Amino acid sequence: MDNWRVAVLGDGGVGKTALAVQTYDPTIEDAYRKQLVVDNRMCFVEIIDTAGQEEYATLRDQWIREGQGFILVYSVTLRSSFDCLGKYLQSMKHITGGRPIFILVGNKCDKTAEREVSKEEGAALAQILGCGFIEASAKTAQNVECLFMNLVRSLRATRGVTELNLPNGPTQRRVKMSKCVIM
């Protein structure tokens, strides 16, 4: 079983805590922790819920250091939260010293009448950033588990080993395949 620490980043009021609470396992104190089965493998995801306000920038940097993966959240009902995603991306890149593993999430997609950021804009930004993208609603739980599952898949892929299930008679045999680069 693998364990992942995921930091949720974004401006105040975009629904970071609401997304984390959707995954909360009430048997574990003072931590947002979720047990998931992703591609037939169990994992635990510990969610670091960061504060979006500038006065917490120092703490946010510490949370980024502790994270293995990131959820970059904006509200589809608040253009300014979309426009300032660059500062969080820059912090992630600077602190991790490389290419962070993250997914872009447009939260509050259930509020269609209040939408200020189109799904196409979110998808286009994700393509530019080279990350996954999903629209979710913490209020209705739409796509919340899916976003965590997609992030876990991305994190597992960075380990350099991919696991495949190949049929071997009536049982399954796991085969590990190393990634290779052909130059």
N, C-alpha and C. Protein backbone atom coordinates (compact mmCIF):
# COMPACT_ATOMS: atom_id res chain seq x y z
N MET A 1 0.84 -1.17 0.00
CA MET A 1 0.00 0.00 0.00
C MET A 1 0.89 1.24 0.00
N ASP A 2 0.54 2.21 -0.81
CA ASP A 2 1.32 3.43 -0.86
C ASP A 2 0.62 4.55 -0.11
N ASN A 3 1.44 5.49 0.39
CA ASN A 3 0.96 6.65 1.13
C ASN A 3 1.43 7.91 0.42
N TRP A 4 0.54 8.88 0.31
CA TRP A 4 0.85 10.13 -0.39
C TRP A 4 0.44 11.31 0.46
N ARG A 5 1.25 12.35 0.44
CA ARG A 5 0.90 13.63 1.07
C ARG A 5 0.63 14.61 -0.05
N VAL A 6 -0.56 15.16 -0.02
CA VAL A 6 -1.02 16.04 -1.09
C VAL A 6 -1.39 17.39 -0.49
N ALA A 7 -0.83 18.46 -1.04
CA ALA A 7 -1.16 19.81 -0.59
C ALA A 7 -2.17 20.41 -1.55
N VAL A 8 -3.19 21.03 -0.99
CA VAL A 8 -4.23 21.68 -1.78
C VAL A 8 -3.94 23.18 -1.74
N LEU A 9 -3.72 23.78 -2.92
CA LEU A 9 -3.33 25.18 -3.03
C LEU A 9 -4.35 25.97 -3.84
N GLY A 10 -4.50 27.22 -3.48
CA GLY A 10 -5.40 28.11 -4.20
C GLY A 10 -5.79 29.27 -3.31
N ASP A 11 -6.42 30.27 -3.88
CA ASP A 11 -6.84 31.45 -3.13
C ASP A 11 -7.88 31.09 -2.08
N GLY A 12 -8.04 31.98 -1.12
CA GLY A 12 -9.08 31.82 -0.11
C GLY A 12 -10.46 31.84 -0.76
N GLY A 13 -11.34 31.00 -0.29
CA GLY A 13 -12.71 30.98 -0.77
C GLY A 13 -12.98 30.15 -2.00
N VAL A 14 -11.97 29.42 -2.51
CA VAL A 14 -12.18 28.62 -3.72
C VAL A 14 -12.70 27.23 -3.42
N GLY A 15 -12.70 26.83 -2.13
CA GLY A 15 -13.24 25.53 -1.76
C GLY A 15 -12.20 24.47 -1.46
N LYS A 16 -10.99 24.88 -1.08
CA LYS A 16 -9.93 23.91 -0.76
C LYS A 16 -10.34 23.02 0.41
N THR A 17 -10.81 23.64 1.48
CA THR A 17 -11.21 22.87 2.66
C THR A 17 -12.41 21.99 2.34
N ALA A 18 -13.34 22.51 1.58
CA ALA A 18 -14.53 21.72 1.22
C ALA A 18 -14.13 20.48 0.42
N LEU A 19 -13.16 20.59 -0.48
CA LEU A 19 -12.69 19.43 -1.23
C LEU A 19 -12.03 18.43 -0.28
N ALA A 20 -11.21 18.93 0.65
CA ALA A 20 -10.53 18.04 1.60
C ALA A 20 -11.54 17.35 2.51
N VAL A 21 -12.54 18.07 2.97
CA VAL A 21 -13.55 17.49 3.86
C VAL A 21 -14.33 16.39 3.16
N GLN A 22 -14.54 16.52 1.86
CA GLN A 22 -15.25 15.47 1.11
C GLN A 22 -14.52 14.14 1.21
N THR A 23 -13.21 14.18 1.41
CA THR A 23 -12.42 12.95 1.46
C THR A 23 -12.12 12.51 2.88
N TYR A 24 -12.61 13.24 3.85
CA TYR A 24 -12.26 13.02 5.25
C TYR A 24 -12.72 11.66 5.77
N ASP A 25 -11.82 10.99 6.45
CA ASP A 25 -12.13 9.74 7.14
C ASP A 25 -12.25 10.08 8.62
N PRO A 26 -13.47 10.07 9.19
CA PRO A 26 -13.66 10.55 10.56
C PRO A 26 -13.01 9.69 11.63
N THR A 27 -12.42 8.57 11.27
CA THR A 27 -11.77 7.74 12.27
C THR A 27 -10.37 8.23 12.58
N ILE A 28 -9.88 9.19 11.84
CA ILE A 28 -8.52 9.68 12.03
C ILE A 28 -8.60 11.13 12.50
N GLU A 29 -8.00 11.43 13.64
CA GLU A 29 -8.08 12.76 14.23
C GLU A 29 -7.22 13.78 13.51
N ASP A 30 -7.75 15.00 13.41
CA ASP A 30 -7.01 16.19 13.00
C ASP A 30 -6.24 16.06 11.69
N ALA A 31 -6.62 15.16 10.85
CA ALA A 31 -5.96 15.06 9.54
C ALA A 31 -7.02 14.67 8.53
N TYR A 32 -6.90 15.23 7.36
CA TYR A 32 -7.76 14.81 6.27
C TYR A 32 -7.03 13.64 5.62
N ARG A 33 -7.60 12.48 5.76
CA ARG A 33 -6.95 11.28 5.25
C ARG A 33 -7.99 10.41 4.59
N LYS A 34 -7.65 9.90 3.45
CA LYS A 34 -8.60 9.08 2.70
C LYS A 34 -7.92 7.81 2.25
N GLN A 35 -8.61 6.72 2.41
CA GLN A 35 -8.16 5.44 1.88
C GLN A 35 -8.87 5.26 0.55
N LEU A 36 -8.10 5.00 -0.49
CA LEU A 36 -8.65 4.83 -1.83
C LEU A 36 -8.14 3.54 -2.45
N VAL A 37 -8.93 2.99 -3.34
CA VAL A 37 -8.46 1.90 -4.19
C VAL A 37 -8.34 2.49 -5.58
N VAL A 38 -7.10 2.54 -6.06
CA VAL A 38 -6.82 3.10 -7.37
C VAL A 38 -6.18 2.01 -8.21
N ASP A 39 -6.82 1.65 -9.30
CA ASP A 39 -6.33 0.60 -10.19
C ASP A 39 -6.05 -0.70 -9.42
N ASN A 40 -7.01 -1.09 -8.59
CA ASN A 40 -6.96 -2.32 -7.81
C ASN A 40 -5.87 -2.35 -6.75
N ARG A 41 -5.34 -1.19 -6.39
CA ARG A 41 -4.32 -1.11 -5.33
C ARG A 41 -4.76 -0.09 -4.30
N MET A 42 -4.66 -0.48 -3.04
CA MET A 42 -5.04 0.38 -1.93
C MET A 42 -3.97 1.45 -1.72
N CYS A 43 -4.40 2.64 -1.30
CA CYS A 43 -3.47 3.70 -0.93
C CYS A 43 -4.12 4.62 0.09
N PHE A 44 -3.29 5.34 0.82
CA PHE A 44 -3.75 6.38 1.73
C PHE A 44 -3.29 7.72 1.19
N VAL A 45 -4.19 8.69 1.21
CA VAL A 45 -3.85 10.05 0.81
C VAL A 45 -4.07 10.94 2.01
N GLU A 46 -3.01 11.60 2.45
CA GLU A 46 -3.12 12.60 3.51
C GLU A 46 -3.15 13.96 2.84
N ILE A 47 -4.17 14.75 3.18
CA ILE A 47 -4.38 16.02 2.51
C ILE A 47 -3.96 17.15 3.42
N ILE A 48 -3.06 17.97 2.92
CA ILE A 48 -2.62 19.17 3.63
C ILE A 48 -3.45 20.32 3.09
N ASP A 49 -4.34 20.83 3.92
CA ASP A 49 -5.24 21.90 3.53
C ASP A 49 -4.55 23.24 3.81
N THR A 50 -4.11 23.92 2.79
CA THR A 50 -3.34 25.15 2.96
C THR A 50 -4.25 26.37 2.99
N ALA A 51 -3.76 27.42 3.63
CA ALA A 51 -4.49 28.70 3.66
C ALA A 51 -4.12 29.49 2.40
N GLY A 52 -5.11 30.12 1.80
CA GLY A 52 -4.87 30.85 0.56
C GLY A 52 -4.46 32.30 0.75
N GLN A 53 -4.62 32.84 1.95
CA GLN A 53 -4.31 34.24 2.17
C GLN A 53 -2.81 34.49 2.18
N GLU A 54 -2.40 35.66 1.72
CA GLU A 54 -0.98 36.01 1.61
C GLU A 54 -0.26 35.99 2.95
N GLU A 55 -0.95 36.31 4.04
CA GLU A 55 -0.29 36.34 5.34
C GLU A 55 0.18 34.94 5.77
N TYR A 56 -0.26 33.91 5.07
CA TYR A 56 0.16 32.55 5.39
C TYR A 56 1.16 31.99 4.38
N ALA A 57 1.80 32.87 3.62
CA ALA A 57 2.72 32.43 2.57
C ALA A 57 3.87 31.58 3.12
N THR A 58 4.40 31.94 4.28
CA THR A 58 5.51 31.17 4.87
C THR A 58 5.05 29.76 5.23
N LEU A 59 3.88 29.66 5.85
CA LEU A 59 3.34 28.34 6.16
C LEU A 59 3.06 27.55 4.89
N ARG A 60 2.54 28.23 3.89
CA ARG A 60 2.23 27.56 2.63
C ARG A 60 3.50 26.96 2.02
N ASP A 61 4.61 27.68 2.11
CA ASP A 61 5.88 27.15 1.60
C ASP A 61 6.26 25.87 2.33
N GLN A 62 6.05 25.84 3.64
CA GLN A 62 6.34 24.63 4.41
C GLN A 62 5.44 23.47 3.97
N TRP A 63 4.17 23.75 3.74
CA TRP A 63 3.25 22.71 3.30
C TRP A 63 3.63 22.19 1.92
N ILE A 64 4.13 23.07 1.07
CA ILE A 64 4.58 22.63 -0.26
C ILE A 64 5.78 21.71 -0.12
N ARG A 65 6.70 22.04 0.79
CA ARG A 65 7.86 21.18 1.02
C ARG A 65 7.43 19.78 1.45
N GLU A 66 6.36 19.70 2.23
CA GLU A 66 5.90 18.42 2.74
C GLU A 66 5.08 17.62 1.73
N GLY A 67 4.56 18.28 0.72
CA GLY A 67 3.70 17.61 -0.25
C GLY A 67 4.47 16.83 -1.29
N GLN A 68 3.89 15.73 -1.69
CA GLN A 68 4.45 14.94 -2.80
C GLN A 68 3.71 15.25 -4.09
N GLY A 69 2.47 15.64 -3.95
CA GLY A 69 1.63 16.01 -5.07
C GLY A 69 0.79 17.19 -4.66
N PHE A 70 0.18 17.83 -5.67
CA PHE A 70 -0.54 19.07 -5.39
C PHE A 70 -1.85 19.13 -6.16
N ILE A 71 -2.81 19.77 -5.52
CA ILE A 71 -4.08 20.07 -6.18
C ILE A 71 -4.17 21.58 -6.23
N LEU A 72 -4.14 22.12 -7.43
CA LEU A 72 -4.18 23.57 -7.65
C LEU A 72 -5.63 23.92 -7.97
N VAL A 73 -6.29 24.65 -7.04
CA VAL A 73 -7.73 24.87 -7.11
C VAL A 73 -8.06 26.32 -7.41
N TYR A 74 -9.02 26.52 -8.29
CA TYR A 74 -9.63 27.83 -8.49
C TYR A 74 -11.13 27.62 -8.50
N SER A 75 -11.86 28.71 -8.31
CA SER A 75 -13.31 28.64 -8.35
C SER A 75 -13.77 29.08 -9.74
N VAL A 76 -14.63 28.28 -10.36
CA VAL A 76 -15.15 28.66 -11.69
C VAL A 76 -16.05 29.88 -11.59
N THR A 77 -16.41 30.28 -10.36
CA THR A 77 -17.28 31.45 -10.16
C THR A 77 -16.49 32.71 -9.81
N LEU A 78 -15.15 32.61 -9.82
CA LEU A 78 -14.33 33.74 -9.42
C LEU A 78 -13.11 33.86 -10.34
N ARG A 79 -13.21 34.72 -11.32
CA ARG A 79 -12.14 34.90 -12.31
C ARG A 79 -10.80 35.19 -11.66
N SER A 80 -10.78 36.01 -10.61
CA SER A 80 -9.51 36.38 -9.97
C SER A 80 -8.77 35.17 -9.41
N SER A 81 -9.50 34.15 -8.95
CA SER A 81 -8.85 32.95 -8.42
C SER A 81 -8.17 32.16 -9.53
N PHE A 82 -8.69 32.26 -10.74
CA PHE A 82 -8.09 31.61 -11.91
C PHE A 82 -6.87 32.40 -12.38
N ASP A 83 -7.02 33.72 -12.39
CA ASP A 83 -5.96 34.58 -12.91
C ASP A 83 -4.69 34.57 -12.07
N CYS A 84 -4.80 34.26 -10.79
CA CYS A 84 -3.61 34.30 -9.93
C CYS A 84 -3.02 32.92 -9.64
N LEU A 85 -3.38 31.91 -10.40
CA LEU A 85 -2.83 30.57 -10.18
C LEU A 85 -1.32 30.52 -10.38
N GLY A 86 -0.80 31.45 -11.18
CA GLY A 86 0.63 31.47 -11.47
C GLY A 86 1.50 31.59 -10.23
N LYS A 87 1.05 32.34 -9.24
CA LYS A 87 1.88 32.49 -8.03
C LYS A 87 2.02 31.17 -7.28
N TYR A 88 0.96 30.36 -7.29
CA TYR A 88 1.05 29.06 -6.62
C TYR A 88 1.94 28.11 -7.42
N LEU A 89 1.82 28.17 -8.72
CA LEU A 89 2.66 27.33 -9.58
C LEU A 89 4.13 27.69 -9.41
N GLN A 90 4.43 28.99 -9.37
CA GLN A 90 5.81 29.43 -9.18
C GLN A 90 6.36 28.94 -7.83
N SER A 91 5.54 29.04 -6.78
CA SER A 91 5.98 28.54 -5.47
C SER A 91 6.25 27.05 -5.51
N MET A 92 5.36 26.30 -6.15
CA MET A 92 5.56 24.84 -6.25
C MET A 92 6.86 24.53 -6.97
N LYS A 93 7.08 25.18 -8.11
CA LYS A 93 8.29 24.91 -8.89
C LYS A 93 9.55 25.31 -8.11
N HIS A 94 9.51 26.47 -7.48
CA HIS A 94 10.68 26.96 -6.74
C HIS A 94 11.02 26.05 -5.56
N ILE A 95 10.01 25.70 -4.78
CA ILE A 95 10.25 24.93 -3.55
C ILE A 95 10.57 23.47 -3.84
N THR A 96 9.91 22.87 -4.83
CA THR A 96 10.19 21.46 -5.13
C THR A 96 11.46 21.32 -5.96
N GLY A 97 11.94 22.40 -6.53
CA GLY A 97 13.17 22.36 -7.29
C GLY A 97 13.05 21.63 -8.61
N GLY A 98 11.88 21.54 -9.13
CA GLY A 98 11.72 20.85 -10.40
C GLY A 98 10.31 20.95 -10.91
N ARG A 99 9.85 19.84 -11.38
CA ARG A 99 8.53 19.76 -11.99
C ARG A 99 7.56 19.09 -11.01
N PRO A 100 6.74 19.88 -10.34
CA PRO A 100 5.81 19.28 -9.37
C PRO A 100 4.72 18.47 -10.06
N ILE A 101 4.23 17.46 -9.36
CA ILE A 101 3.13 16.65 -9.85
C ILE A 101 1.84 17.26 -9.30
N PHE A 102 0.97 17.71 -10.19
CA PHE A 102 -0.25 18.35 -9.73
C PHE A 102 -1.37 18.20 -10.74
N ILE A 103 -2.57 18.50 -10.23
CA ILE A 103 -3.76 18.49 -11.07
C ILE A 103 -4.45 19.84 -10.87
N LEU A 104 -4.97 20.39 -11.94
CA LEU A 104 -5.70 21.66 -11.90
C LEU A 104 -7.18 21.34 -11.73
N VAL A 105 -7.80 21.99 -10.72
CA VAL A 105 -9.20 21.71 -10.41
C VAL A 105 -10.01 23.01 -10.45
N GLY A 106 -11.04 23.00 -11.27
CA GLY A 106 -12.01 24.08 -11.28
C GLY A 106 -13.15 23.68 -10.36
N ASN A 107 -13.20 24.25 -9.16
CA ASN A 107 -14.21 23.88 -8.18
C ASN A 107 -15.47 24.72 -8.35
N LYS A 108 -16.54 24.28 -7.77
CA LYS A 108 -17.86 24.93 -7.76
C LYS A 108 -18.53 24.86 -9.14
N CYS A 109 -18.30 23.79 -9.87
CA CYS A 109 -18.91 23.64 -11.19
C CYS A 109 -20.42 23.46 -11.13
N ASP A 110 -20.96 23.24 -9.92
CA ASP A 110 -22.41 23.12 -9.76
C ASP A 110 -23.11 24.47 -9.87
N LYS A 111 -22.36 25.56 -9.75
CA LYS A 111 -22.94 26.91 -9.79
C LYS A 111 -22.88 27.46 -11.21
N THR A 112 -23.63 26.87 -12.10
CA THR A 112 -23.56 27.22 -13.52
C THR A 112 -23.98 28.65 -13.80
N ALA A 113 -24.94 29.18 -13.06
CA ALA A 113 -25.42 30.55 -13.31
C ALA A 113 -24.39 31.60 -12.89
N GLU A 114 -23.44 31.22 -12.02
CA GLU A 114 -22.45 32.17 -11.51
C GLU A 114 -21.08 32.01 -12.17
N ARG A 115 -20.99 31.17 -13.17
CA ARG A 115 -19.70 30.84 -13.79
C ARG A 115 -19.04 32.06 -14.43
N GLU A 116 -17.74 32.23 -14.12
CA GLU A 116 -16.92 33.28 -14.73
C GLU A 116 -15.76 32.71 -15.53
N VAL A 117 -15.44 31.42 -15.31
CA VAL A 117 -14.34 30.77 -16.01
C VAL A 117 -14.90 29.54 -16.71
N SER A 118 -14.73 29.48 -18.03
CA SER A 118 -15.27 28.35 -18.78
C SER A 118 -14.42 27.10 -18.59
N LYS A 119 -15.04 25.96 -18.83
CA LYS A 119 -14.33 24.68 -18.75
C LYS A 119 -13.20 24.66 -19.78
N GLU A 120 -13.44 25.24 -20.93
CA GLU A 120 -12.43 25.28 -21.99
C GLU A 120 -11.19 26.07 -21.56
N GLU A 121 -11.40 27.15 -20.82
CA GLU A 121 -10.26 27.93 -20.32
C GLU A 121 -9.43 27.11 -19.34
N GLY A 122 -10.09 26.39 -18.46
CA GLY A 122 -9.37 25.54 -17.51
C GLY A 122 -8.59 24.45 -18.22
N ALA A 123 -9.22 23.80 -19.20
CA ALA A 123 -8.56 22.74 -19.95
C ALA A 123 -7.37 23.29 -20.74
N ALA A 124 -7.52 24.46 -21.31
CA ALA A 124 -6.43 25.07 -22.08
C ALA A 124 -5.24 25.40 -21.17
N LEU A 125 -5.52 25.93 -19.98
CA LEU A 125 -4.44 26.23 -19.04
C LEU A 125 -3.73 24.95 -18.61
N ALA A 126 -4.49 23.92 -18.33
CA ALA A 126 -3.89 22.64 -17.93
C ALA A 126 -2.99 22.09 -19.03
N GLN A 127 -3.41 22.25 -20.27
CA GLN A 127 -2.58 21.78 -21.38
C GLN A 127 -1.28 22.56 -21.44
N ILE A 128 -1.34 23.86 -21.24
CA ILE A 128 -0.14 24.70 -21.22
C ILE A 128 0.78 24.29 -20.07
N LEU A 129 0.20 24.03 -18.91
CA LEU A 129 0.98 23.67 -17.72
C LEU A 129 1.45 22.23 -17.74
N GLY A 130 0.87 21.40 -18.61
CA GLY A 130 1.26 20.00 -18.69
C GLY A 130 0.77 19.18 -17.51
N CYS A 131 -0.45 19.45 -17.06
CA CYS A 131 -0.99 18.73 -15.92
C CYS A 131 -2.39 18.23 -16.24
N GLY A 132 -2.94 17.42 -15.36
CA GLY A 132 -4.31 16.97 -15.50
C GLY A 132 -5.28 18.09 -15.14
N PHE A 133 -6.52 17.94 -15.57
CA PHE A 133 -7.55 18.94 -15.30
C PHE A 133 -8.87 18.25 -15.06
N ILE A 134 -9.62 18.80 -14.11
CA ILE A 134 -10.96 18.31 -13.85
C ILE A 134 -11.77 19.42 -13.21
N GLU A 135 -13.03 19.46 -13.54
CA GLU A 135 -13.94 20.35 -12.83
C GLU A 135 -14.66 19.51 -11.79
N ALA A 136 -14.86 20.10 -10.61
CA ALA A 136 -15.46 19.37 -9.50
C ALA A 136 -16.41 20.28 -8.73
N SER A 137 -17.19 19.66 -7.88
CA SER A 137 -18.05 20.38 -6.95
C SER A 137 -17.89 19.74 -5.58
N ALA A 138 -17.28 20.47 -4.67
CA ALA A 138 -17.16 19.96 -3.31
C ALA A 138 -18.53 19.87 -2.66
N LYS A 139 -19.45 20.73 -3.07
CA LYS A 139 -20.79 20.74 -2.48
C LYS A 139 -21.56 19.46 -2.81
N THR A 140 -21.48 19.01 -4.06
CA THR A 140 -22.22 17.82 -4.49
C THR A 140 -21.34 16.57 -4.55
N ALA A 141 -20.04 16.73 -4.31
CA ALA A 141 -19.04 15.66 -4.39
C ALA A 141 -18.76 15.20 -5.82
N GLN A 142 -19.24 15.93 -6.80
CA GLN A 142 -19.00 15.59 -8.20
C GLN A 142 -17.51 15.64 -8.52
N ASN A 143 -16.97 14.53 -8.99
CA ASN A 143 -15.58 14.38 -9.43
C ASN A 143 -14.53 14.53 -8.32
N VAL A 144 -14.93 14.62 -7.06
CA VAL A 144 -13.95 14.81 -5.99
C VAL A 144 -13.06 13.57 -5.85
N GLU A 145 -13.67 12.41 -5.73
CA GLU A 145 -12.87 11.19 -5.61
C GLU A 145 -12.05 10.96 -6.88
N CYS A 146 -12.63 11.27 -8.01
CA CYS A 146 -11.94 11.10 -9.29
C CYS A 146 -10.67 11.95 -9.35
N LEU A 147 -10.71 13.16 -8.85
CA LEU A 147 -9.52 14.02 -8.91
C LEU A 147 -8.41 13.43 -8.06
N PHE A 148 -8.74 12.88 -6.89
CA PHE A 148 -7.72 12.26 -6.06
C PHE A 148 -7.17 10.99 -6.72
N MET A 149 -8.04 10.23 -7.34
CA MET A 149 -7.58 9.01 -8.03
C MET A 149 -6.63 9.36 -9.18
N ASN A 150 -6.97 10.39 -9.95
CA ASN A 150 -6.11 10.81 -11.06
C ASN A 150 -4.76 11.30 -10.56
N LEU A 151 -4.76 12.03 -9.44
CA LEU A 151 -3.50 12.51 -8.88
C LEU A 151 -2.65 11.34 -8.39
N VAL A 152 -3.26 10.36 -7.75
CA VAL A 152 -2.52 9.18 -7.29
C VAL A 152 -1.89 8.45 -8.49
N ARG A 153 -2.63 8.34 -9.57
CA ARG A 153 -2.07 7.71 -10.77
C ARG A 153 -0.84 8.47 -11.27
N SER A 154 -0.92 9.78 -11.28
CA SER A 154 0.22 10.60 -11.71
C SER A 154 1.41 10.42 -10.76
N LEU A 155 1.14 10.38 -9.47
CA LEU A 155 2.22 10.20 -8.50
C LEU A 155 2.86 8.82 -8.65
N ARG A 156 2.06 7.82 -8.84
CA ARG A 156 2.61 6.46 -9.03
C ARG A 156 3.47 6.40 -10.29
N ALA A 157 3.06 7.09 -11.32
CA ALA A 157 3.82 7.07 -12.58
C ALA A 157 5.20 7.67 -12.40
N THR A 158 5.39 8.57 -11.44
CA THR A 158 6.69 9.21 -11.25
C THR A 158 7.68 8.32 -10.53
N ARG A 159 7.21 7.23 -9.98
CA ARG A 159 8.12 6.32 -9.27
C ARG A 159 9.05 5.58 -10.22
N GLY A 160 8.80 5.66 -11.51
CA GLY A 160 9.67 5.00 -12.47
C GLY A 160 9.31 3.57 -12.75
N VAL A 161 8.28 3.09 -12.10
CA VAL A 161 7.84 1.71 -12.32
C VAL A 161 6.34 1.73 -12.53
N THR A 162 5.92 1.05 -13.55
CA THR A 162 4.50 0.92 -13.82
C THR A 162 4.10 -0.52 -13.59
N GLU A 163 3.00 -0.74 -12.93
CA GLU A 163 2.53 -2.10 -12.73
C GLU A 163 1.37 -2.39 -13.66
N LEU A 164 1.43 -3.56 -14.27
CA LEU A 164 0.36 -4.01 -15.15
C LEU A 164 -0.18 -5.33 -14.62
N ASN A 165 -1.44 -5.57 -14.82
CA ASN A 165 -2.01 -6.87 -14.50
C ASN A 165 -2.13 -7.65 -15.80
N LEU A 166 -1.43 -8.75 -15.87
CA LEU A 166 -1.48 -9.59 -17.07
C LEU A 166 -2.12 -10.92 -16.72
N PRO A 167 -3.01 -11.41 -17.56
CA PRO A 167 -3.64 -12.70 -17.25
C PRO A 167 -2.61 -13.83 -17.33
N ASN A 168 -2.67 -14.70 -16.38
CA ASN A 168 -1.79 -15.86 -16.35
C ASN A 168 -2.64 -17.04 -15.88
N GLY A 169 -3.46 -17.56 -16.78
CA GLY A 169 -4.40 -18.60 -16.39
C GLY A 169 -5.54 -17.97 -15.60
N PRO A 170 -6.06 -18.68 -14.60
CA PRO A 170 -7.19 -18.16 -13.85
C PRO A 170 -6.82 -17.06 -12.85
N THR A 171 -5.54 -16.87 -12.58
CA THR A 171 -5.13 -15.83 -11.63
C THR A 171 -4.44 -14.70 -12.37
N GLN A 172 -4.20 -13.62 -11.65
CA GLN A 172 -3.48 -12.48 -12.22
C GLN A 172 -2.05 -12.50 -11.70
N ARG A 173 -1.10 -12.18 -12.55
CA ARG A 173 0.29 -12.08 -12.16
C ARG A 173 0.73 -10.64 -12.36
N ARG A 174 1.36 -10.04 -11.37
CA ARG A 174 1.83 -8.66 -11.50
C ARG A 174 3.22 -8.67 -12.11
N VAL A 175 3.39 -7.84 -13.08
CA VAL A 175 4.68 -7.69 -13.74
C VAL A 175 5.08 -6.24 -13.61
N LYS A 176 6.30 -5.98 -13.13
CA LYS A 176 6.78 -4.61 -13.05
C LYS A 176 7.60 -4.33 -14.31
N MET A 177 7.33 -3.18 -14.90
CA MET A 177 8.06 -2.79 -16.09
C MET A 177 8.71 -1.45 -15.81
N SER A 178 10.00 -1.34 -16.02
CA SER A 178 10.69 -0.07 -15.86
C SER A 178 10.43 0.78 -17.08
N LYS A 179 10.36 2.07 -16.87
CA LYS A 179 10.23 2.98 -18.01
C LYS A 179 11.56 3.08 -18.71
N CYS A 180 11.54 3.22 -20.02
CA CYS A 180 12.79 3.40 -20.73
C CYS A 180 12.64 4.61 -21.65
N VAL A 181 13.76 5.20 -21.95
CA VAL A 181 13.77 6.34 -22.85
C VAL A 181 14.62 5.97 -24.05
N ILE A 182 14.06 6.09 -25.23
CA ILE A 182 14.81 5.80 -26.45
C ILE A 182 15.25 7.13 -27.03
N MET A 183 16.55 7.26 -27.23
CA MET A 183 17.08 8.54 -27.73
C MET A 183 17.59 8.37 -29.14
